[in-house]
Each structure stands twice: as C-alpha cells, then as structure tokens.
Amino acid sequence: MTAAQLGLLIGVAVFGAVFLGAVDGTVPSADGSADALWAACVALAGAALRGALMSLSRRVGNLR
C-alpha cells in the first residue's frame, strides 16, 4: 500500500515537472499551456505503453 502511494506521489511530481519544464516564458499563455499539456500527455502515453509492455512480458514469461 505504501509503495503504491509513493509511486503515485513520484509520478505526479515527475509529470508535473515535465509540464512545468515544457512551459516557456514567465507569463502563462494559452499556446504555452497547450504545448506543455501536449508534452505531458506524450510522456504519460509513453509511460502507459511501457507499463503495458512490462505487464505483457511478465504474463508471457509466466506461461513458459
């Protein structure tokens, strides 16, 4: 239970950093926020794909 909560905390921090790192300039704008949201979504999709592939590889490994 604690490991799952720690994982969620680290995930929020990492993807928050990705979002804030993608925002350029000091004044928030719609274009900057949209670009940052796109970067964060791509990072999240990559993490989800990696998790799915890891899960699939474990299931295939258990079938042998």
C-alpha atoms as a PDB file:
ATOM      1  CA  MET A   1       0.000   0.000   0.000  1.00  0.00           C
ATOM      2  CA  THR A   2       2.746   2.453   0.926  1.00  0.00           C
ATOM      3  CA  ALA A   3       4.741   1.610  -2.197  1.00  0.00           C
ATOM      4  CA  ALA A   4       1.725   2.352  -4.394  1.00  0.00           C
ATOM      5  CA  GLN A   5       1.185   5.707  -2.705  1.00  0.00           C
ATOM      6  CA  LEU A   6       4.869   6.549  -3.063  1.00  0.00           C
ATOM      7  CA  GLY A   7       4.714   5.605  -6.732  1.00  0.00           C
ATOM      8  CA  LEU A   8       1.723   7.869  -7.267  1.00  0.00           C
ATOM      9  CA  LEU A   9       3.483  10.726  -5.485  1.00  0.00           C
ATOM     10  CA  ILE A  10       6.619  10.349  -7.591  1.00  0.00           C
ATOM     11  CA  GLY A  11       4.558  10.059 -10.768  1.00  0.00           C
ATOM     12  CA  VAL A  12       2.685  13.283 -10.070  1.00  0.00           C
ATOM     13  CA  ALA A  13       5.954  15.051  -9.292  1.00  0.00           C
ATOM     14  CA  VAL A  14       7.678  13.802 -12.446  1.00  0.00           C
ATOM     15  CA  PHE A  15       4.837  14.634 -14.819  1.00  0.00           C
ATOM     16  CA  GLY A  16       4.329  17.977 -13.086  1.00  0.00           C
ATOM     17  CA  ALA A  17       7.995  18.705 -13.732  1.00  0.00           C
ATOM     18  CA  VAL A  18       7.572  17.675 -17.378  1.00  0.00           C
ATOM     19  CA  PHE A  19       4.618  20.039 -17.695  1.00  0.00           C
ATOM     20  CA  LEU A  20       6.355  22.955 -15.994  1.00  0.00           C
ATOM     21  CA  GLY A  21       9.558  22.316 -17.927  1.00  0.00           C
ATOM     22  CA  ALA A  22       7.669  22.496 -21.203  1.00  0.00           C
ATOM     23  CA  VAL A  23       6.088  25.861 -20.359  1.00  0.00           C
ATOM     24  CA  ASP A  24       8.327  28.592 -21.705  1.00  0.00           C
ATOM     25  CA  GLY A  25       8.276  32.213 -20.627  1.00  0.00           C
ATOM     26  CA  THR A  26       7.157  33.810 -17.421  1.00  0.00           C
ATOM     27  CA  VAL A  27       3.653  34.887 -18.455  1.00  0.00           C
ATOM     28  CA  PRO A  28       1.279  31.956 -18.940  1.00  0.00           C
ATOM     29  CA  SER A  29      -0.372  31.870 -22.328  1.00  0.00           C
ATOM     30  CA  ALA A  30      -2.841  29.536 -23.999  1.00  0.00           C
ATOM     31  CA  ASP A  31      -0.265  28.416 -26.565  1.00  0.00           C
ATOM     32  CA  GLY A  32       2.370  27.730 -23.930  1.00  0.00           C
ATOM     33  CA  SER A  33      -0.059  25.783 -21.776  1.00  0.00           C
ATOM     34  CA  ALA A  34      -1.293  23.771 -24.756  1.00  0.00           C
ATOM     35  CA  ASP A  35       2.262  22.859 -25.738  1.00  0.00           C
ATOM     36  CA  ALA A  36       3.097  21.880 -22.168  1.00  0.00           C
ATOM     37  CA  LEU A  37      -0.067  19.789 -21.908  1.00  0.00           C
ATOM     38  CA  TRP A  38       0.847  18.041 -25.160  1.00  0.00           C
ATOM     39  CA  ALA A  39       4.346  17.245 -23.840  1.00  0.00           C
ATOM     40  CA  ALA A  40       2.916  15.891 -20.582  1.00  0.00           C
ATOM     41  CA  CYS A  41       0.354  13.763 -22.472  1.00  0.00           C
ATOM     42  CA  VAL A  42       3.058  12.278 -24.684  1.00  0.00           C
ATOM     43  CA  ALA A  43       5.131  11.463 -21.603  1.00  0.00           C
ATOM     44  CA  LEU A  44       2.116   9.855 -19.907  1.00  0.00           C
ATOM     45  CA  ALA A  45       1.293   7.826 -23.023  1.00  0.00           C
ATOM     46  CA  GLY A  46       4.888   6.608 -23.161  1.00  0.00           C
ATOM     47  CA  ALA A  47       4.780   5.589 -19.508  1.00  0.00           C
ATOM     48  CA  ALA A  48       1.459   3.785 -20.018  1.00  0.00           C
ATOM     49  CA  LEU A  49       2.819   1.940 -23.042  1.00  0.00           C
ATOM     50  CA  ARG A  50       5.922   0.927 -21.140  1.00  0.00           C
ATOM     51  CA  GLY A  51       3.804  -0.355 -18.252  1.00  0.00           C
ATOM     52  CA  ALA A  52       1.593  -2.343 -20.611  1.00  0.00           C
ATOM     53  CA  LEU A  53       4.611  -3.905 -22.311  1.00  0.00           C
ATOM     54  CA  MET A  54       6.173  -4.794 -18.970  1.00  0.00           C
ATOM     55  CA  SER A  55       2.919  -6.407 -17.844  1.00  0.00           C
ATOM     56  CA  LEU A  56       2.660  -8.341 -21.091  1.00  0.00           C
ATOM     57  CA  SER A  57       6.243  -9.580 -20.842  1.00  0.00           C
ATOM     58  CA  ARG A  58       5.609 -10.831 -17.298  1.00  0.00           C
ATOM     59  CA  ARG A  59       2.488 -12.710 -18.402  1.00  0.00           C
ATOM     60  CA  VAL A  60       4.296 -14.306 -21.330  1.00  0.00           C
ATOM     61  CA  GLY A  61       7.184 -15.231 -19.024  1.00  0.00           C
ATOM     62  CA  ASN A  62       4.795 -16.914 -16.590  1.00  0.00           C
ATOM     63  CA  LEU A  63       3.264 -19.049 -19.342  1.00  0.00           C
ATOM     64  CA  ARG A  64       6.525 -20.813 -20.077  1.00  0.00           C
END
